[in-house]
PDB file of N, CA and C in Angstrom:
ATOM      1  N   MET A   1       1.230  -1.285  -0.143  1.00  0.00           N
ATOM      2  CA  MET A   1       0.261  -0.067   0.411  1.00  0.00           C
ATOM      3  C   MET A   1       0.916   1.134  -0.205  1.00  0.00           C
ATOM      4  N   LYS A   2       0.770   2.284  -1.170  1.00  0.00           N
ATOM      5  CA  LYS A   2       1.449   3.164  -1.340  1.00  0.00           C
ATOM      6  C   LYS A   2       1.234   4.204  -1.159  1.00  0.00           C
ATOM      7  N   TRP A   3      -0.121   4.380  -0.755  1.00  0.00           N
ATOM      8  CA  TRP A   3      -1.216   5.527  -0.458  1.00  0.00           C
ATOM      9  C   TRP A   3      -1.244   5.476   1.338  1.00  0.00           C
ATOM     10  N   ASN A   4      -2.032   6.903   1.721  1.00  0.00           N
ATOM     11  CA  ASN A   4      -2.162   6.850   3.018  1.00  0.00           C
ATOM     12  C   ASN A   4      -3.270   7.524   2.983  1.00  0.00           C
ATOM     13  N   LEU A   5      -3.840   7.205   4.573  1.00  0.00           N
ATOM     14  CA  LEU A   5      -5.348   7.646   4.757  1.00  0.00           C
ATOM     15  C   LEU A   5      -5.555   9.259   4.453  1.00  0.00           C
ATOM     16  N   ASP A   6      -4.672   9.739   4.682  1.00  0.00           N
ATOM     17  CA  ASP A   6      -4.454  11.343   4.659  1.00  0.00           C
ATOM     18  C   ASP A   6      -4.865  11.225   2.885  1.00  0.00           C
ATOM     19  N   ASP A   7      -4.767  10.457   2.052  1.00  0.00           N
ATOM     20  CA  ASP A   7      -4.871  11.056   0.697  1.00  0.00           C
ATOM     21  C   ASP A   7      -6.436  10.363   0.212  1.00  0.00           C
ATOM     22  N   ALA A   8      -7.436   9.766   1.198  1.00  0.00           N
ATOM     23  CA  ALA A   8      -8.616   9.747   1.046  1.00  0.00           C
ATOM     24  C   ALA A   8      -9.746  10.845   0.711  1.00  0.00           C
ATOM     25  N   PRO A   9      -9.143  11.590   1.764  1.00  0.00           N
ATOM     26  CA  PRO A   9     -10.382  12.755   1.324  1.00  0.00           C
ATOM     27  C   PRO A   9     -10.233  13.762  -0.108  1.00  0.00           C
ATOM     28  N   VAL A  10      -8.827  13.741  -0.171  1.00  0.00           N
ATOM     29  CA  VAL A  10      -8.758  14.060  -1.601  1.00  0.00           C
ATOM     30  C   VAL A  10      -8.512  13.353  -2.681  1.00  0.00           C
ATOM     31  N   PHE A  11      -9.042  12.253  -2.790  1.00  0.00           N
ATOM     32  CA  PHE A  11      -9.520  11.219  -3.567  1.00  0.00           C
ATOM     33  C   PHE A  11     -11.053  11.537  -3.903  1.00  0.00           C
ATOM     34  N   LEU A  12     -11.977  11.529  -2.533  1.00  0.00           N
ATOM     35  CA  LEU A  12     -13.010  12.054  -2.545  1.00  0.00           C
ATOM     36  C   LEU A  12     -13.647  13.108  -3.349  1.00  0.00           C
ATOM     37  N   ALA A  13     -12.741  14.374  -3.211  1.00  0.00           N
ATOM     38  CA  ALA A  13     -13.089  15.673  -3.427  1.00  0.00           C
ATOM     39  C   ALA A  13     -12.440  15.709  -5.170  1.00  0.00           C
ATOM     40  N   VAL A  14     -11.529  14.766  -5.520  1.00  0.00           N
ATOM     41  CA  VAL A  14     -11.379  15.176  -6.810  1.00  0.00           C
ATOM     42  C   VAL A  14     -12.780  14.408  -8.062  1.00  0.00           C
ATOM     43  N   VAL A  15     -13.420  13.195  -6.829  1.00  0.00           N
ATOM     44  CA  VAL A  15     -14.402  12.499  -7.801  1.00  0.00           C
ATOM     45  C   VAL A  15     -15.350  13.726  -7.675  1.00  0.00           C
ATOM     46  N   GLU A  16     -15.673  13.810  -5.884  1.00  0.00           N
ATOM     47  CA  GLU A  16     -17.043  15.108  -6.407  1.00  0.00           C
ATOM     48  C   GLU A  16     -16.928  16.305  -6.830  1.00  0.00           C
ATOM     49  N   GLN A  17     -15.936  16.826  -7.489  1.00  0.00           N
ATOM     50  CA  GLN A  17     -15.681  17.720  -7.953  1.00  0.00           C
ATOM     51  C   GLN A  17     -15.551  17.720  -9.416  1.00  0.00           C
ATOM     52  N   ALA A  18     -15.164  16.625 -10.031  1.00  0.00           N
ATOM     53  CA  ALA A  18     -15.092  16.177 -11.138  1.00  0.00           C
ATOM     54  C   ALA A  18     -13.432  16.965 -11.747  1.00  0.00           C
ATOM     55  N   GLY A  19     -12.777  17.061 -10.773  1.00  0.00           N
ATOM     56  CA  GLY A  19     -11.970  17.385 -11.156  1.00  0.00           C
ATOM     57  C   GLY A  19     -10.434  17.733 -10.347  1.00  0.00           C
ATOM     58  N   ILE A  20      -9.276  17.807 -10.959  1.00  0.00           N
ATOM     59  CA  ILE A  20      -7.898  18.407  -9.388  1.00  0.00           C
ATOM     60  C   ILE A  20      -8.098  19.477  -9.344  1.00  0.00           C
ATOM     61  N   SER A  21      -8.118  20.672 -10.116  1.00  0.00           N
ATOM     62  CA  SER A  21      -8.293  21.875 -10.221  1.00  0.00           C
ATOM     63  C   SER A  21      -9.557  22.474  -8.906  1.00  0.00           C
ATOM     64  N   ALA A  22     -10.841  22.029  -9.441  1.00  0.00           N
ATOM     65  CA  ALA A  22     -11.786  21.939  -8.478  1.00  0.00           C
ATOM     66  C   ALA A  22     -11.688  21.787  -6.768  1.00  0.00           C
ATOM     67  N   ALA A  23     -10.923  20.200  -6.821  1.00  0.00           N
ATOM     68  CA  ALA A  23     -10.423  19.819  -6.272  1.00  0.00           C
ATOM     69  C   ALA A  23      -9.875  20.182  -5.395  1.00  0.00           C
ATOM     70  N   ALA A  24      -8.696  21.071  -5.694  1.00  0.00           N
ATOM     71  CA  ALA A  24      -7.865  21.636  -5.060  1.00  0.00           C
ATOM     72  C   ALA A  24      -8.457  22.778  -4.197  1.00  0.00           C
ATOM     73  N   ARG A  25      -9.493  23.835  -5.307  1.00  0.00           N
ATOM     74  CA  ARG A  25      -9.787  24.937  -4.756  1.00  0.00           C
ATOM     75  C   ARG A  25     -10.720  24.909  -3.333  1.00  0.00           C
ATOM     76  N   MET A  26     -11.353  23.388  -3.829  1.00  0.00           N
ATOM     77  CA  MET A  26     -12.596  23.376  -2.367  1.00  0.00           C
ATOM     78  C   MET A  26     -11.485  22.864  -0.943  1.00  0.00           C
ATOM     79  N   LEU A  27     -10.482  21.944  -1.270  1.00  0.00           N
ATOM     80  CA  LEU A  27      -9.851  21.780   0.121  1.00  0.00           C
ATOM     81  C   LEU A  27      -8.649  22.657   0.416  1.00  0.00           C
ATOM     82  N   GLY A  28      -8.866  23.401  -0.315  1.00  0.00           N
ATOM     83  CA  GLY A  28      -7.417  25.091  -0.309  1.00  0.00           C
ATOM     84  C   GLY A  28      -6.030  24.322  -0.405  1.00  0.00           C
ATOM     85  N   ALA A  29      -5.498  23.615  -1.208  1.00  0.00           N
ATOM     86  CA  ALA A  29      -4.462  22.350  -1.223  1.00  0.00           C
ATOM     87  C   ALA A  29      -4.004  23.214  -2.540  1.00  0.00           C
ATOM     88  N   PRO A  30      -2.690  22.880  -2.621  1.00  0.00           N
ATOM     89  CA  PRO A  30      -1.961  23.688  -4.174  1.00  0.00           C
ATOM     90  C   PRO A  30      -2.814  22.116  -5.278  1.00  0.00           C
ATOM     91  N   LYS A  31      -2.712  22.181  -6.261  1.00  0.00           N
ATOM     92  CA  LYS A  31      -3.039  21.622  -7.465  1.00  0.00           C
ATOM     93  C   LYS A  31      -1.683  20.844  -7.308  1.00  0.00           C
ATOM     94  N   SER A  32      -0.447  20.743  -7.346  1.00  0.00           N
ATOM     95  CA  SER A  32       0.440  19.679  -6.950  1.00  0.00           C
ATOM     96  C   SER A  32       0.363  18.825  -5.742  1.00  0.00           C
ATOM     97  N   THR A  33       0.120  19.565  -4.909  1.00  0.00           N
ATOM     98  CA  THR A  33      -0.302  18.324  -3.792  1.00  0.00           C
ATOM     99  C   THR A  33      -1.503  17.463  -3.832  1.00  0.00           C
ATOM    100  N   VAL A  34      -2.660  17.744  -4.667  1.00  0.00           N
ATOM    101  CA  VAL A  34      -3.541  17.411  -5.073  1.00  0.00           C
ATOM    102  C   VAL A  34      -3.210  15.969  -6.003  1.00  0.00           C
ATOM    103  N   SER A  35      -2.755  16.168  -6.873  1.00  0.00           N
ATOM    104  CA  SER A  35      -1.812  15.555  -8.113  1.00  0.00           C
ATOM    105  C   SER A  35      -0.563  14.194  -7.154  1.00  0.00           C
ATOM    106  N   ALA A  36      -0.370  14.862  -6.675  1.00  0.00           N
ATOM    107  CA  ALA A  36       0.663  13.757  -5.437  1.00  0.00           C
ATOM    108  C   ALA A  36      -0.389  12.729  -5.048  1.00  0.00           C
ATOM    109  N   ALA A  37      -1.202  13.533  -4.474  1.00  0.00           N
ATOM    110  CA  ALA A  37      -1.942  12.398  -3.349  1.00  0.00           C
ATOM    111  C   ALA A  37      -2.864  11.295  -4.476  1.00  0.00           C
ATOM    112  N   LEU A  38      -3.479  12.115  -5.782  1.00  0.00           N
ATOM    113  CA  LEU A  38      -4.085  11.174  -6.527  1.00  0.00           C
ATOM    114  C   LEU A  38      -2.839   9.834  -7.248  1.00  0.00           C
ATOM    115  N   ALA A  39      -1.416  10.683  -7.545  1.00  0.00           N
ATOM    116  CA  ALA A  39      -0.807   9.257  -7.903  1.00  0.00           C
ATOM    117  C   ALA A  39      -0.170   8.629  -7.619  1.00  0.00           C
ATOM    118  N   ARG A  40      -0.591   8.712  -5.938  1.00  0.00           N
ATOM    119  CA  ARG A  40      -0.151   7.649  -4.746  1.00  0.00           C
ATOM    120  C   ARG A  40      -1.527   6.381  -5.045  1.00  0.00           C
ATOM    121  N   LEU A  41      -2.389   6.824  -5.064  1.00  0.00           N
ATOM    122  CA  LEU A  41      -3.537   6.260  -4.864  1.00  0.00           C
ATOM    123  C   LEU A  41      -3.584   5.481  -6.511  1.00  0.00           C
ATOM    124  N   GLU A  42      -3.252   6.182  -7.514  1.00  0.00           N
ATOM    125  CA  GLU A  42      -3.391   5.358  -8.551  1.00  0.00           C
ATOM    126  C   GLU A  42      -2.413   4.440  -9.139  1.00  0.00           C
ATOM    127  N   ALA A  43      -0.994   4.411  -8.582  1.00  0.00           N
ATOM    128  CA  ALA A  43       0.000   3.149  -8.743  1.00  0.00           C
ATOM    129  C   ALA A  43      -0.651   2.020  -8.489  1.00  0.00           C
ATOM    130  N   GLY A  44      -0.680   1.512  -9.878  1.00  0.00           N
ATOM    131  CA  GLY A  44      -0.971   0.471  -9.742  1.00  0.00           C
ATOM    132  C   GLY A  44      -2.629  -0.064  -9.509  1.00  0.00           C
ATOM    133  N   MET A  45      -3.224   1.259  -8.877  1.00  0.00           N
ATOM    134  CA  MET A  45      -4.725   0.483  -8.592  1.00  0.00           C
ATOM    135  C   MET A  45      -6.150   0.834  -9.550  1.00  0.00           C
ATOM    136  N   GLY A  46      -5.411   2.179 -10.609  1.00  0.00           N
ATOM    137  CA  GLY A  46      -6.202   2.165 -11.686  1.00  0.00           C
ATOM    138  C   GLY A  46      -7.299   2.828 -11.826  1.00  0.00           C
ATOM    139  N   LEU A  47      -7.521   3.943 -10.731  1.00  0.00           N
ATOM    140  CA  LEU A  47      -8.540   4.482 -10.182  1.00  0.00           C
ATOM    141  C   LEU A  47      -9.527   4.966 -10.893  1.00  0.00           C
ATOM    142  N   LEU A  48      -9.102   5.767 -12.107  1.00  0.00           N
ATOM    143  CA  LEU A  48      -9.560   7.280 -13.001  1.00  0.00           C
ATOM    144  C   LEU A  48      -9.031   6.899 -14.083  1.00  0.00           C
ATOM    145  N   ASP A  49     -10.118   7.026 -15.157  1.00  0.00           N
ATOM    146  CA  ASP A  49      -9.653   7.526 -16.287  1.00  0.00           C
ATOM    147  C   ASP A  49      -9.697   8.724 -16.447  1.00  0.00           C
ATOM    148  N   ARG A  50      -8.120   9.522 -16.801  1.00  0.00           N
ATOM    149  CA  ARG A  50      -8.066  10.589 -16.806  1.00  0.00           C
ATOM    150  C   ARG A  50      -8.062  11.303 -18.400  1.00  0.00           C
ATOM    151  N   SER A  51      -8.349  12.379 -18.281  1.00  0.00           N
ATOM    152  CA  SER A  51      -8.144  12.964 -19.848  1.00  0.00           C
ATOM    153  C   SER A  51      -8.027  14.973 -19.414  1.00  0.00           C
ATOM    154  N   SER A  52      -7.567  15.508 -20.365  1.00  0.00           N
ATOM    155  CA  SER A  52      -7.242  16.498 -19.563  1.00  0.00           C
ATOM    156  C   SER A  52      -8.230  17.711 -19.588  1.00  0.00           C
ATOM    157  N   ARG A  53      -9.467  17.246 -19.347  1.00  0.00           N
ATOM    158  CA  ARG A  53     -10.765  17.586 -19.073  1.00  0.00           C
ATOM    159  C   ARG A  53     -11.699  17.029 -18.149  1.00  0.00           C
ATOM    160  N   THR A  54     -11.773  15.912 -18.321  1.00  0.00           N
ATOM    161  CA  THR A  54     -12.287  14.913 -17.135  1.00  0.00           C
ATOM    162  C   THR A  54     -11.925  13.936 -16.504  1.00  0.00           C
ATOM    163  N   VAL A  55     -12.436  13.357 -15.482  1.00  0.00           N
ATOM    164  CA  VAL A  55     -12.161  12.682 -14.299  1.00  0.00           C
ATOM    165  C   VAL A  55     -13.295  11.336 -14.481  1.00  0.00           C
ATOM    166  N   ARG A  56     -13.084  10.452 -14.906  1.00  0.00           N
ATOM    167  CA  ARG A  56     -14.156   9.269 -14.394  1.00  0.00           C
ATOM    168  C   ARG A  56     -13.715   8.078 -14.022  1.00  0.00           C
ATOM    169  N   LEU A  57     -14.292   7.548 -12.929  1.00  0.00           N
ATOM    170  CA  LEU A  57     -13.850   6.313 -12.078  1.00  0.00           C
ATOM    171  C   LEU A  57     -13.958   4.946 -12.891  1.00  0.00           C
ATOM    172  N   THR A  58     -13.331   4.451 -12.898  1.00  0.00           N
ATOM    173  CA  THR A  58     -13.174   2.852 -13.287  1.00  0.00           C
ATOM    174  C   THR A  58     -13.965   1.794 -12.246  1.00  0.00           C
ATOM    175  N   THR A  59     -14.400   0.826 -13.147  1.00  0.00           N
ATOM    176  CA  THR A  59     -15.108   0.271 -11.583  1.00  0.00           C
ATOM    177  C   THR A  59     -14.484  -0.231 -10.744  1.00  0.00           C
ATOM    178  N   GLU A  60     -12.883  -0.310 -10.498  1.00  0.00           N
ATOM    179  CA  GLU A  60     -12.316  -0.897  -9.493  1.00  0.00           C
ATOM    180  C   GLU A  60     -12.280   1.099  -8.458  1.00  0.00           C
ATOM    181  N   GLY A  61     -12.821   1.680  -9.189  1.00  0.00           N
ATOM    182  CA  GLY A  61     -12.419   2.958  -8.568  1.00  0.00           C
ATOM    183  C   GLY A  61     -13.727   3.511  -7.918  1.00  0.00           C
ATOM    184  N   GLU A  62     -15.107   2.911  -8.368  1.00  0.00           N
ATOM    185  CA  GLU A  62     -15.851   3.010  -7.713  1.00  0.00           C
ATOM    186  C   GLU A  62     -16.300   2.171  -6.408  1.00  0.00           C
ATOM    187  N   ALA A  63     -15.670   1.652  -6.551  1.00  0.00           N
ATOM    188  CA  ALA A  63     -15.758   0.397  -5.497  1.00  0.00           C
ATOM    189  C   ALA A  63     -14.499   1.067  -4.247  1.00  0.00           C
ATOM    190  N   PHE A  64     -13.181   1.798  -4.464  1.00  0.00           N
ATOM    191  CA  PHE A  64     -12.342   2.224  -3.630  1.00  0.00           C
ATOM    192  C   PHE A  64     -13.459   3.665  -3.176  1.00  0.00           C
ATOM    193  N   PHE A  65     -14.070   4.506  -3.979  1.00  0.00           N
ATOM    194  CA  PHE A  65     -14.898   5.443  -3.845  1.00  0.00           C
ATOM    195  C   PHE A  65     -15.803   5.060  -2.508  1.00  0.00           C
ATOM    196  N   ARG A  66     -16.489   3.971  -2.702  1.00  0.00           N
ATOM    197  CA  ARG A  66     -17.570   3.759  -1.525  1.00  0.00           C
ATOM    198  C   ARG A  66     -16.877   3.294  -0.136  1.00  0.00           C
ATOM    199  N   GLN A  67     -15.408   2.402  -0.629  1.00  0.00           N
ATOM    200  CA  GLN A  67     -14.730   2.236   0.920  1.00  0.00           C
ATOM    201  C   GLN A  67     -14.103   3.524   1.843  1.00  0.00           C
ATOM    202  N   ALA A  68     -13.732   4.217   0.461  1.00  0.00           N
ATOM    203  CA  ALA A  68     -12.764   5.949   1.193  1.00  0.00           C
ATOM    204  C   ALA A  68     -14.217   6.764   1.887  1.00  0.00           C
ATOM    205  N   GLN A  69     -15.351   6.749   1.387  1.00  0.00           N
ATOM    206  CA  GLN A  69     -16.316   7.352   1.718  1.00  0.00           C
ATOM    207  C   GLN A  69     -16.418   6.484   3.071  1.00  0.00           C
ATOM    208  N   LEU A  70     -16.571   5.641   3.380  1.00  0.00           N
ATOM    209  CA  LEU A  70     -17.230   4.868   4.847  1.00  0.00           C
ATOM    210  C   LEU A  70     -15.792   5.129   5.540  1.00  0.00           C
ATOM    211  N   ILE A  71     -14.492   4.976   5.198  1.00  0.00           N
ATOM    212  CA  ILE A  71     -13.115   5.610   5.710  1.00  0.00           C
ATOM    213  C   ILE A  71     -13.267   7.256   6.387  1.00  0.00           C
ATOM    214  N   VAL A  72     -13.510   8.032   5.859  1.00  0.00           N
ATOM    215  CA  VAL A  72     -13.600   9.276   5.939  1.00  0.00           C
ATOM    216  C   VAL A  72     -14.843   9.502   7.231  1.00  0.00           C
ATOM    217  N   GLU A  73     -15.754   9.142   6.979  1.00  0.00           N
ATOM    218  CA  GLU A  73     -16.989   9.323   7.516  1.00  0.00           C
ATOM    219  C   GLU A  73     -16.417   8.789   9.118  1.00  0.00           C
ATOM    220  N   GLN A  74     -15.974   7.371   9.309  1.00  0.00           N
ATOM    221  CA  GLN A  74     -15.270   6.531  10.308  1.00  0.00           C
ATOM    222  C   GLN A  74     -14.295   7.499  11.371  1.00  0.00           C
ATOM    223  N   ALA A  75     -13.435   8.175  10.614  1.00  0.00           N
ATOM    224  CA  ALA A  75     -12.644   9.476  10.892  1.00  0.00           C
ATOM    225  C   ALA A  75     -13.079  10.383  11.425  1.00  0.00           C
ATOM    226  N   ARG A  76     -14.389  11.053  10.557  1.00  0.00           N
ATOM    227  CA  ARG A  76     -14.885  12.088  11.218  1.00  0.00           C
ATOM    228  C   ARG A  76     -15.649  11.283  12.969  1.00  0.00           C
ATOM    229  N   GLU A  77     -16.262  10.452  12.694  1.00  0.00           N
ATOM    230  CA  GLU A  77     -17.220  10.134  14.103  1.00  0.00           C
ATOM    231  C   GLU A  77     -15.990  10.406  14.629  1.00  0.00           C
ATOM    232  N   ALA A  78     -15.221   9.484  14.938  1.00  0.00           N
ATOM    233  CA  ALA A  78     -13.942   9.226  15.890  1.00  0.00           C
ATOM    234  C   ALA A  78     -13.358  10.630  16.413  1.00  0.00           C
ATOM    235  N   ASP A  79     -13.213  11.610  15.613  1.00  0.00           N
ATOM    236  CA  ASP A  79     -12.835  12.675  16.070  1.00  0.00           C
ATOM    237  C   ASP A  79     -13.794  13.347  16.681  1.00  0.00           C
ATOM    238  N   ALA A  80     -14.850  13.489  16.072  1.00  0.00           N
ATOM    239  CA  ALA A  80     -16.105  14.292  16.868  1.00  0.00           C
ATOM    240  C   ALA A  80     -16.118  13.176  18.270  1.00  0.00           C
ATOM    241  N   LEU A  81     -15.949  11.869  18.653  1.00  0.00           N
ATOM    242  CA  LEU A  81     -16.285  11.283  19.535  1.00  0.00           C
ATOM    243  C   LEU A  81     -14.861  12.190  20.677  1.00  0.00           C
ATOM    244  N   ILE A  82     -14.007  11.611  20.523  1.00  0.00           N
ATOM    245  CA  ILE A  82     -12.886  12.193  21.122  1.00  0.00           C
ATOM    246  C   ILE A  82     -13.112  13.598  21.491  1.00  0.00           C
ATOM    247  N   THR A  83     -13.468  14.259  20.762  1.00  0.00           N
ATOM    248  CA  THR A  83     -13.490  15.570  21.048  1.00  0.00           C
ATOM    249  C   THR A  83     -14.749  16.041  21.883  1.00  0.00           C
ATOM    250  N   GLY A  84     -15.506  14.646  22.054  1.00  0.00           N
ATOM    251  CA  GLY A  84     -16.471  15.462  23.231  1.00  0.00           C
ATOM    252  C   GLY A  84     -15.921  14.783  23.836  1.00  0.00           C
ATOM    253  N   LEU A  85     -15.411  13.779  24.916  1.00  0.00           N
ATOM    254  CA  LEU A  85     -15.007  13.088  25.439  1.00  0.00           C
ATOM    255  C   LEU A  85     -13.576  14.095  26.296  1.00  0.00           C
ATOM    256  N   VAL A  86     -13.216  14.619  25.814  1.00  0.00           N
ATOM    257  CA  VAL A  86     -12.242  15.546  26.110  1.00  0.00           C
ATOM    258  C   VAL A  86     -12.291  16.750  26.415  1.00  0.00           C
ATOM    259  N   SER A  87     -13.497  17.441  25.877  1.00  0.00           N
ATOM    260  CA  SER A  87     -14.058  18.814  26.311  1.00  0.00           C
ATOM    261  C   SER A  87     -14.700  18.728  27.929  1.00  0.00           C
ATOM    262  N   THR A  88     -14.150  20.024  27.787  1.00  0.00           N
ATOM    263  CA  THR A  88     -14.785  20.373  29.907  1.00  0.00           C
ATOM    264  C   THR A  88     -15.802  21.246  29.792  1.00  0.00           C
ATOM    265  N   PRO A  89     -17.069  21.007  30.176  1.00  0.00           N
ATOM    266  CA  PRO A  89     -17.971  21.597  30.011  1.00  0.00           C
ATOM    267  C   PRO A  89     -17.685  22.876  30.531  1.00  0.00           C
ATOM    268  N   SER A  90     -18.770  24.132  30.127  1.00  0.00           N
ATOM    269  CA  SER A  90     -18.072  25.034  30.960  1.00  0.00           C
ATOM    270  C   SER A  90     -19.203  26.114  30.712  1.00  0.00           C
ATOM    271  N   GLY A  91     -19.093  26.973  31.584  1.00  0.00           N
ATOM    272  CA  GLY A  91     -20.548  28.016  31.024  1.00  0.00           C
ATOM    273  C   GLY A  91     -21.679  27.835  32.194  1.00  0.00           C
ATOM    274  N   ARG A  92     -22.722  28.855  31.794  1.00  0.00           N
ATOM    275  CA  ARG A  92     -23.736  28.783  33.296  1.00  0.00           C
ATOM    276  C   ARG A  92     -24.601  27.734  33.268  1.00  0.00           C
ATOM    277  N   LEU A  93     -25.431  27.001  33.833  1.00  0.00           N
ATOM    278  CA  LEU A  93     -25.735  25.875  34.059  1.00  0.00           C
ATOM    279  C   LEU A  93     -27.273  26.721  34.734  1.00  0.00           C
ATOM    280  N   THR A  94     -28.657  26.221  34.161  1.00  0.00           N
ATOM    281  CA  THR A  94     -29.688  26.638  34.297  1.00  0.00           C
ATOM    282  C   THR A  94     -30.395  25.651  34.497  1.00  0.00           C
ATOM    283  N   VAL A  95     -31.018  25.259  35.558  1.00  0.00           N
ATOM    284  CA  VAL A  95     -31.948  23.951  36.250  1.00  0.00           C
ATOM    285  C   VAL A  95     -33.191  24.339  36.622  1.00  0.00           C
ATOM    286  N   ALA A  96     -34.219  23.915  36.047  1.00  0.00           N
ATOM    287  CA  ALA A  96     -35.525  23.929  36.503  1.00  0.00           C
ATOM    288  C   ALA A  96     -36.399  22.540  37.266  1.00  0.00           C
ATOM    289  N   LEU A  97     -36.306  23.361  38.814  1.00  0.00           N
ATOM    290  CA  LEU A  97     -36.710  21.902  39.517  1.00  0.00           C
ATOM    291  C   LEU A  97     -37.845  22.771  40.200  1.00  0.00           C
ATOM    292  N   THR A  98     -38.816  21.595  40.838  1.00  0.00           N
ATOM    293  CA  THR A  98     -39.756  21.919  41.905  1.00  0.00           C
ATOM    294  C   THR A  98     -39.466  22.132  43.239  1.00  0.00           C
ATOM    295  N   PRO A  99     -39.560  23.260  44.012  1.00  0.00           N
ATOM    296  CA  PRO A  99     -38.945  23.581  44.907  1.00  0.00           C
ATOM    297  C   PRO A  99     -39.147  22.249  46.110  1.00  0.00           C
ATOM    298  N   ALA A 100     -39.732  21.814  46.213  1.00  0.00           N
ATOM    299  CA  ALA A 100     -39.640  20.244  47.056  1.00  0.00           C
ATOM    300  C   ALA A 100     -38.730  18.984  46.583  1.00  0.00           C
ATOM    301  N   PHE A 101     -38.526  19.417  45.193  1.00  0.00           N
ATOM    302  CA  PHE A 101     -37.220  18.245  45.135  1.00  0.00           C
ATOM    303  C   PHE A 101     -36.120  19.374  45.071  1.00  0.00           C
ATOM    304  N   SER A 102     -35.501  20.352  45.005  1.00  0.00           N
ATOM    305  CA  SER A 102     -34.531  21.149  45.018  1.00  0.00           C
ATOM    306  C   SER A 102     -34.203  20.863  46.778  1.00  0.00           C
ATOM    307  N   GLN A 103     -34.685  20.983  47.327  1.00  0.00           N
ATOM    308  CA  GLN A 103     -35.013  21.509  48.755  1.00  0.00           C
ATOM    309  C   GLN A 103     -34.615  20.111  49.370  1.00  0.00           C
ATOM    310  N   VAL A 104     -34.674  19.173  48.980  1.00  0.00           N
ATOM    311  CA  VAL A 104     -34.499  17.517  49.721  1.00  0.00           C
ATOM    312  C   VAL A 104     -33.434  17.160  48.775  1.00  0.00           C
ATOM    313  N   PHE A 105     -33.220  17.263  47.306  1.00  0.00           N
ATOM    314  CA  PHE A 105     -32.339  16.718  46.727  1.00  0.00           C
ATOM    315  C   PHE A 105     -31.245  17.228  46.354  1.00  0.00           C
ATOM    316  N   VAL A 106     -31.381  18.850  46.110  1.00  0.00           N
ATOM    317  CA  VAL A 106     -30.161  19.102  45.103  1.00  0.00           C
ATOM    318  C   VAL A 106     -29.507  19.946  45.952  1.00  0.00           C
ATOM    319  N   ALA A 107     -30.667  20.943  47.353  1.00  0.00           N
ATOM    320  CA  ALA A 107     -29.458  22.180  48.684  1.00  0.00           C
ATOM    321  C   ALA A 107     -28.817  21.121  49.296  1.00  0.00           C
ATOM    322  N   PRO A 108     -28.657  19.553  49.736  1.00  0.00           N
ATOM    323  CA  PRO A 108     -27.694  19.390  50.148  1.00  0.00           C
ATOM    324  C   PRO A 108     -26.452  18.991  49.964  1.00  0.00           C
ATOM    325  N   ARG A 109     -26.676  18.888  48.115  1.00  0.00           N
ATOM    326  CA  ARG A 109     -25.199  18.169  47.701  1.00  0.00           C
ATOM    327  C   ARG A 109     -24.689  19.265  46.539  1.00  0.00           C
ATOM    328  N   LEU A 110     -25.600  20.775  46.815  1.00  0.00           N
ATOM    329  CA  LEU A 110     -25.355  21.866  46.075  1.00  0.00           C
ATOM    330  C   LEU A 110     -23.435  22.979  46.054  1.00  0.00           C
ATOM    331  N   MET A 111     -23.178  22.397  47.344  1.00  0.00           N
ATOM    332  CA  MET A 111     -21.593  23.015  47.889  1.00  0.00           C
ATOM    333  C   MET A 111     -20.662  21.996  47.737  1.00  0.00           C
ATOM    334  N   ALA A 112     -21.188  20.647  47.354  1.00  0.00           N
ATOM    335  CA  ALA A 112     -20.146  19.503  47.003  1.00  0.00           C
ATOM    336  C   ALA A 112     -19.655  19.443  45.709  1.00  0.00           C
ATOM    337  N   PHE A 113     -20.985  19.975  44.909  1.00  0.00           N
ATOM    338  CA  PHE A 113     -20.804  19.870  43.513  1.00  0.00           C
ATOM    339  C   PHE A 113     -20.368  21.091  42.897  1.00  0.00           C
ATOM    340  N   ARG A 114     -20.300  22.297  43.788  1.00  0.00           N
ATOM    341  CA  ARG A 114     -19.838  23.690  43.191  1.00  0.00           C
ATOM    342  C   ARG A 114     -18.641  23.506  43.417  1.00  0.00           C
TER     343      ARG A 114
END
């Protein structure tokens, strides 16, 4: 495997934008960076039929495209999960409780919570 996981979003962008230039603009990356990532992916795999104006997926490319979509989505979900686990809640908390519940259950524990 000569490609790396960072190449998957680049491949998706090239396919979704139907070209290297448009993908580079979308990603905010130089065309040479997008071309290099695409070259790593294409080495020996034959994912795309390219001409000077169009980019078309091969049968292998369609299969890889579906898998790359799953990989990128799972990476985003993992990032969101970790971000949620390590973040510290902050800000003001407002709670609406009945007076009886707050006096019996909340008030005795409020100082320990603070």
